[in-house]
Amino acid sequence: MIENLIGKRYAEALSRSVKENSLLNPVLENLQACKNIFATQDQLVRFFSQPSIPLEKKNNMVRELCDRLNVEQVVCNLLVLLSERKKILFLGKIAEYFEKIVDRRLNQVRVSVRSAQTLSNENIERLRSALTKILGKTVLINVHVDEALIGGIQLKIGDQVADATIKNRLTLLKQKLEKEEVA
């Protein structure tokens, strides 16, 4: 899809313009903050979608947004460029691809953890340590509590899912029983 190509191209260009690895996370945070504003402010999307609004007004809006969010200059430059090229509405995809580039450059992986109960800091650190040994990368963990899981834990690393929840086990048992009834 076109938005994937655009997202990847601009994310790679942004990555090349950020020479120091220590600046990658602040730039990513700035990019995600801008993406979130566009995701939550429909008026902003309509403003940038409107062809009758002059480019100068759009660029001024971008600069004002950058000032309010106190973003890194490299992110502001990207946003102005995107505005000028009428690509600013692809910001979500650009942020998505830039996050992958940051993870690759910093040798880290993001793990989403869903559990039925709140995990203690000790359990999170044990999980992080074990995953670091297995994956050989720095592990960033994002924990979500989902009581619908009944018990257990579910890990998502990229597009891989490890599901050791009671809900999943019950679903598998139900499917197995349904197959046996049919036979």
C-alpha atoms as a PDB file:
ATOM      1  CA  MET A   1       0.000   0.000   0.000  1.00  0.00           C
ATOM      2  CA  ILE A   2       1.092   3.539  -0.682  1.00  0.00           C
ATOM      3  CA  GLU A   3       0.980   4.628   2.961  1.00  0.00           C
ATOM      4  CA  ASN A   4       3.430   1.860   3.871  1.00  0.00           C
ATOM      5  CA  LEU A   5       5.870   2.965   1.159  1.00  0.00           C
ATOM      6  CA  ILE A   6       5.585   6.602   2.202  1.00  0.00           C
ATOM      7  CA  GLY A   7       5.876   5.721   5.897  1.00  0.00           C
ATOM      8  CA  LYS A   8       8.957   3.610   5.351  1.00  0.00           C
ATOM      9  CA  ARG A   9      10.674   6.130   3.062  1.00  0.00           C
ATOM     10  CA  TYR A  10      10.240   9.095   5.409  1.00  0.00           C
ATOM     11  CA  ALA A  11      11.084   7.036   8.515  1.00  0.00           C
ATOM     12  CA  GLU A  12      14.337   5.925   6.914  1.00  0.00           C
ATOM     13  CA  ALA A  13      15.152   9.501   5.913  1.00  0.00           C
ATOM     14  CA  LEU A  14      14.465  10.681   9.459  1.00  0.00           C
ATOM     15  CA  SER A  15      16.683   7.918  10.810  1.00  0.00           C
ATOM     16  CA  ARG A  16      19.545   8.966   8.533  1.00  0.00           C
ATOM     17  CA  SER A  17      19.222  12.544   9.765  1.00  0.00           C
ATOM     18  CA  VAL A  18      19.504  11.463  13.427  1.00  0.00           C
ATOM     19  CA  LYS A  19      23.178  10.565  13.707  1.00  0.00           C
ATOM     20  CA  GLU A  20      23.427  10.049  17.473  1.00  0.00           C
ATOM     21  CA  ASN A  21      21.701   7.010  18.941  1.00  0.00           C
ATOM     22  CA  SER A  22      21.048   8.945  22.161  1.00  0.00           C
ATOM     23  CA  LEU A  23      18.631  11.198  20.232  1.00  0.00           C
ATOM     24  CA  LEU A  24      16.596   8.356  18.723  1.00  0.00           C
ATOM     25  CA  ASN A  25      14.197   7.873  21.651  1.00  0.00           C
ATOM     26  CA  PRO A  26      13.481  11.601  22.141  1.00  0.00           C
ATOM     27  CA  VAL A  27      12.815  11.938  18.396  1.00  0.00           C
ATOM     28  CA  LEU A  28      10.548   8.876  18.501  1.00  0.00           C
ATOM     29  CA  GLU A  29       8.644  10.279  21.491  1.00  0.00           C
ATOM     30  CA  ASN A  30       8.191  13.605  19.654  1.00  0.00           C
ATOM     31  CA  LEU A  31       6.992  11.834  16.534  1.00  0.00           C
ATOM     32  CA  GLN A  32       4.514   9.736  18.516  1.00  0.00           C
ATOM     33  CA  ALA A  33       3.214  12.810  20.363  1.00  0.00           C
ATOM     34  CA  CYS A  34       2.547  14.528  17.031  1.00  0.00           C
ATOM     35  CA  LYS A  35       0.925  11.367  15.662  1.00  0.00           C
ATOM     36  CA  ASN A  36      -1.337  11.182  18.721  1.00  0.00           C
ATOM     37  CA  ILE A  37      -2.443  14.791  18.242  1.00  0.00           C
ATOM     38  CA  PHE A  38      -3.456  14.031  14.659  1.00  0.00           C
ATOM     39  CA  ALA A  39      -5.204  10.843  15.805  1.00  0.00           C
ATOM     40  CA  THR A  40      -7.287  12.683  18.398  1.00  0.00           C
ATOM     41  CA  GLN A  41      -7.922  16.023  16.680  1.00  0.00           C
ATOM     42  CA  ASP A  42     -10.247  15.619  13.710  1.00  0.00           C
ATOM     43  CA  GLN A  43     -10.109  19.373  13.071  1.00  0.00           C
ATOM     44  CA  LEU A  44      -6.379  19.131  12.450  1.00  0.00           C
ATOM     45  CA  VAL A  45      -6.851  16.327   9.929  1.00  0.00           C
ATOM     46  CA  ARG A  46      -9.557  18.328   8.148  1.00  0.00           C
ATOM     47  CA  PHE A  47      -7.316  21.410   8.167  1.00  0.00           C
ATOM     48  CA  PHE A  48      -4.435  19.611   6.450  1.00  0.00           C
ATOM     49  CA  SER A  49      -6.786  17.761   4.091  1.00  0.00           C
ATOM     50  CA  GLN A  50      -8.343  20.995   2.837  1.00  0.00           C
ATOM     51  CA  PRO A  51      -6.699  21.958  -0.489  1.00  0.00           C
ATOM     52  CA  SER A  52      -8.080  25.511  -0.330  1.00  0.00           C
ATOM     53  CA  ILE A  53      -5.987  26.394   2.742  1.00  0.00           C
ATOM     54  CA  PRO A  54      -2.706  27.991   1.664  1.00  0.00           C
ATOM     55  CA  LEU A  55       0.516  26.090   2.278  1.00  0.00           C
ATOM     56  CA  GLU A  56       1.920  28.950   4.330  1.00  0.00           C
ATOM     57  CA  LYS A  57      -0.961  28.651   6.828  1.00  0.00           C
ATOM     58  CA  LYS A  58      -0.390  24.914   7.073  1.00  0.00           C
ATOM     59  CA  ASN A  59       3.339  25.387   7.656  1.00  0.00           C
ATOM     60  CA  ASN A  60       2.616  28.002  10.311  1.00  0.00           C
ATOM     61  CA  MET A  61       0.282  25.532  11.993  1.00  0.00           C
ATOM     62  CA  VAL A  62       3.053  22.909  11.925  1.00  0.00           C
ATOM     63  CA  ARG A  63       5.548  25.319  13.477  1.00  0.00           C
ATOM     64  CA  GLU A  64       3.038  26.298  16.168  1.00  0.00           C
ATOM     65  CA  LEU A  65       2.415  22.628  16.920  1.00  0.00           C
ATOM     66  CA  CYS A  66       6.174  22.057  17.164  1.00  0.00           C
ATOM     67  CA  ASP A  67       6.557  24.984  19.544  1.00  0.00           C
ATOM     68  CA  ARG A  68       3.701  23.820  21.773  1.00  0.00           C
ATOM     69  CA  LEU A  69       5.005  20.267  21.939  1.00  0.00           C
ATOM     70  CA  ASN A  70       8.627  21.419  22.226  1.00  0.00           C
ATOM     71  CA  VAL A  71       9.754  18.867  19.631  1.00  0.00           C
ATOM     72  CA  GLU A  72      13.277  18.298  18.384  1.00  0.00           C
ATOM     73  CA  GLN A  73      14.212  20.447  15.386  1.00  0.00           C
ATOM     74  CA  VAL A  74      14.657  17.384  13.172  1.00  0.00           C
ATOM     75  CA  VAL A  75      11.024  16.385  13.833  1.00  0.00           C
ATOM     76  CA  CYS A  76       9.807  19.918  13.139  1.00  0.00           C
ATOM     77  CA  ASN A  77      11.749  19.944   9.867  1.00  0.00           C
ATOM     78  CA  LEU A  78      10.156  16.624   8.909  1.00  0.00           C
ATOM     79  CA  LEU A  79       6.663  17.901   9.704  1.00  0.00           C
ATOM     80  CA  VAL A  80       7.199  21.031   7.595  1.00  0.00           C
ATOM     81  CA  LEU A  81       8.488  18.878   4.733  1.00  0.00           C
ATOM     82  CA  LEU A  82       5.495  16.566   5.053  1.00  0.00           C
ATOM     83  CA  SER A  83       3.172  19.563   5.023  1.00  0.00           C
ATOM     84  CA  GLU A  84       4.807  20.984   1.920  1.00  0.00           C
ATOM     85  CA  ARG A  85       4.602  17.626   0.131  1.00  0.00           C
ATOM     86  CA  LYS A  86       1.013  17.033   1.300  1.00  0.00           C
ATOM     87  CA  LYS A  87       2.048  13.901   3.165  1.00  0.00           C
ATOM     88  CA  ILE A  88       1.523  14.969   6.776  1.00  0.00           C
ATOM     89  CA  LEU A  89      -1.506  12.711   7.146  1.00  0.00           C
ATOM     90  CA  PHE A  90       0.870   9.726   6.784  1.00  0.00           C
ATOM     91  CA  LEU A  91       2.478  10.634  10.117  1.00  0.00           C
ATOM     92  CA  GLY A  92       1.065   7.523  11.828  1.00  0.00           C
ATOM     93  CA  LYS A  93       2.787   5.161   9.405  1.00  0.00           C
ATOM     94  CA  ILE A  94       6.008   7.157   9.558  1.00  0.00           C
ATOM     95  CA  ALA A  95       6.018   6.886  13.369  1.00  0.00           C
ATOM     96  CA  GLU A  96       5.284   3.157  13.138  1.00  0.00           C
ATOM     97  CA  TYR A  97       8.229   2.514  10.823  1.00  0.00           C
ATOM     98  CA  PHE A  98      10.520   4.860  12.723  1.00  0.00           C
ATOM     99  CA  GLU A  99       9.855   2.891  15.920  1.00  0.00           C
ATOM    100  CA  LYS A 100      11.024  -0.276  14.134  1.00  0.00           C
ATOM    101  CA  ILE A 101      14.156   1.495  12.923  1.00  0.00           C
ATOM    102  CA  VAL A 102      14.890   2.797  16.437  1.00  0.00           C
ATOM    103  CA  ASP A 103      14.481  -0.701  17.858  1.00  0.00           C
ATOM    104  CA  ARG A 104      16.828  -2.127  15.237  1.00  0.00           C
ATOM    105  CA  ARG A 105      19.486   0.580  15.759  1.00  0.00           C
ATOM    106  CA  LEU A 106      19.346   0.295  19.549  1.00  0.00           C
ATOM    107  CA  ASN A 107      19.158  -3.542  19.503  1.00  0.00           C
ATOM    108  CA  GLN A 108      15.927  -3.608  21.471  1.00  0.00           C
ATOM    109  CA  VAL A 109      12.564  -5.316  21.209  1.00  0.00           C
ATOM    110  CA  ARG A 110       9.141  -4.241  22.454  1.00  0.00           C
ATOM    111  CA  VAL A 111       7.085  -6.839  24.288  1.00  0.00           C
ATOM    112  CA  SER A 112       3.410  -6.409  25.033  1.00  0.00           C
ATOM    113  CA  VAL A 113       2.317  -8.368  28.088  1.00  0.00           C
ATOM    114  CA  ARG A 114      -1.334  -9.017  28.918  1.00  0.00           C
ATOM    115  CA  SER A 115      -2.174 -10.594  32.231  1.00  0.00           C
ATOM    116  CA  ALA A 116      -5.303 -11.178  34.253  1.00  0.00           C
ATOM    117  CA  GLN A 117      -3.796  -9.506  37.307  1.00  0.00           C
ATOM    118  CA  THR A 118      -1.310  -6.741  37.947  1.00  0.00           C
ATOM    119  CA  LEU A 119       2.231  -8.069  37.738  1.00  0.00           C
ATOM    120  CA  SER A 120       4.660  -7.136  40.491  1.00  0.00           C
ATOM    121  CA  ASN A 121       7.805  -5.223  39.586  1.00  0.00           C
ATOM    122  CA  GLU A 122       9.784  -8.301  40.575  1.00  0.00           C
ATOM    123  CA  ASN A 123       7.845 -10.491  38.110  1.00  0.00           C
ATOM    124  CA  ILE A 124       8.238  -7.923  35.337  1.00  0.00           C
ATOM    125  CA  GLU A 125      11.995  -7.780  35.933  1.00  0.00           C
ATOM    126  CA  ARG A 126      12.271 -11.595  35.967  1.00  0.00           C
ATOM    127  CA  LEU A 127      10.355 -11.700  32.680  1.00  0.00           C
ATOM    128  CA  ARG A 128      12.558  -8.952  31.204  1.00  0.00           C
ATOM    129  CA  SER A 129      15.712 -10.774  32.302  1.00  0.00           C
ATOM    130  CA  ALA A 130      14.576 -14.096  30.847  1.00  0.00           C
ATOM    131  CA  LEU A 131      13.508 -12.515  27.545  1.00  0.00           C
ATOM    132  CA  THR A 132      16.783 -10.570  27.324  1.00  0.00           C
ATOM    133  CA  LYS A 133      18.729 -13.840  27.647  1.00  0.00           C
ATOM    134  CA  ILE A 134      16.545 -15.592  25.058  1.00  0.00           C
ATOM    135  CA  LEU A 135      16.364 -12.766  22.524  1.00  0.00           C
ATOM    136  CA  GLY A 136      19.798 -11.247  23.066  1.00  0.00           C
ATOM    137  CA  LYS A 137      18.307  -7.755  22.965  1.00  0.00           C
ATOM    138  CA  THR A 138      17.241  -5.079  25.388  1.00  0.00           C
ATOM    139  CA  VAL A 139      13.588  -5.777  26.210  1.00  0.00           C
ATOM    140  CA  LEU A 140      11.044  -2.978  26.633  1.00  0.00           C
ATOM    141  CA  ILE A 141       7.924  -4.285  28.355  1.00  0.00           C
ATOM    142  CA  ASN A 142       4.466  -2.741  28.168  1.00  0.00           C
ATOM    143  CA  VAL A 143       2.026  -4.404  30.603  1.00  0.00           C
ATOM    144  CA  HIS A 144      -1.775  -4.414  30.216  1.00  0.00           C
ATOM    145  CA  VAL A 145      -4.175  -5.918  32.731  1.00  0.00           C
ATOM    146  CA  ASP A 146      -7.096  -7.750  31.121  1.00  0.00           C
ATOM    147  CA  GLU A 147      -9.329  -9.503  33.647  1.00  0.00           C
ATOM    148  CA  ALA A 148     -11.148 -11.314  30.813  1.00  0.00           C
ATOM    149  CA  LEU A 149      -8.090 -13.588  30.518  1.00  0.00           C
ATOM    150  CA  ILE A 150      -9.155 -15.209  33.822  1.00  0.00           C
ATOM    151  CA  GLY A 151      -5.549 -16.152  34.624  1.00  0.00           C
ATOM    152  CA  GLY A 152      -2.164 -16.608  33.025  1.00  0.00           C
ATOM    153  CA  ILE A 153      -0.199 -14.369  30.710  1.00  0.00           C
ATOM    154  CA  GLN A 154       0.037 -13.518  27.019  1.00  0.00           C
ATOM    155  CA  LEU A 155       3.203 -12.168  25.376  1.00  0.00           C
ATOM    156  CA  LYS A 156       3.335 -10.428  22.012  1.00  0.00           C
ATOM    157  CA  ILE A 157       6.715  -9.820  20.421  1.00  0.00           C
ATOM    158  CA  GLY A 158       6.351  -8.313  16.968  1.00  0.00           C
ATOM    159  CA  ASP A 159       3.883 -10.577  15.191  1.00  0.00           C
ATOM    160  CA  GLN A 160       4.593 -13.566  17.464  1.00  0.00           C
ATOM    161  CA  VAL A 161       2.140 -14.367  20.277  1.00  0.00           C
ATOM    162  CA  ALA A 162       2.702 -16.743  23.177  1.00  0.00           C
ATOM    163  CA  ASP A 163      -0.620 -17.322  24.913  1.00  0.00           C
ATOM    164  CA  ALA A 164      -0.599 -19.140  28.247  1.00  0.00           C
ATOM    165  CA  THR A 165      -3.900 -17.766  29.517  1.00  0.00           C
ATOM    166  CA  ILE A 166      -6.738 -19.760  31.002  1.00  0.00           C
ATOM    167  CA  LYS A 167      -9.107 -18.145  28.510  1.00  0.00           C
ATOM    168  CA  ASN A 168      -7.013 -19.478  25.623  1.00  0.00           C
ATOM    169  CA  ARG A 169      -6.800 -22.944  27.167  1.00  0.00           C
ATOM    170  CA  LEU A 170     -10.576 -23.034  27.614  1.00  0.00           C
ATOM    171  CA  THR A 171     -11.057 -21.963  23.986  1.00  0.00           C
ATOM    172  CA  LEU A 172      -8.723 -24.722  22.787  1.00  0.00           C
ATOM    173  CA  LEU A 173     -10.508 -27.279  24.970  1.00  0.00           C
ATOM    174  CA  LYS A 174     -13.884 -26.161  23.591  1.00  0.00           C
ATOM    175  CA  GLN A 175     -12.625 -26.514  20.005  1.00  0.00           C
ATOM    176  CA  LYS A 176     -11.270 -29.975  20.750  1.00  0.00           C
ATOM    177  CA  LEU A 177     -14.573 -31.074  22.312  1.00  0.00           C
ATOM    178  CA  GLU A 178     -16.547 -29.702  19.350  1.00  0.00           C
ATOM    179  CA  LYS A 179     -14.356 -31.680  16.911  1.00  0.00           C
ATOM    180  CA  GLU A 180     -14.895 -34.874  18.918  1.00  0.00           C
ATOM    181  CA  GLU A 181     -18.679 -34.336  18.919  1.00  0.00           C
ATOM    182  CA  VAL A 182     -18.709 -33.949  15.145  1.00  0.00           C
ATOM    183  CA  ALA A 183     -16.721 -37.147  14.687  1.00  0.00           C
END
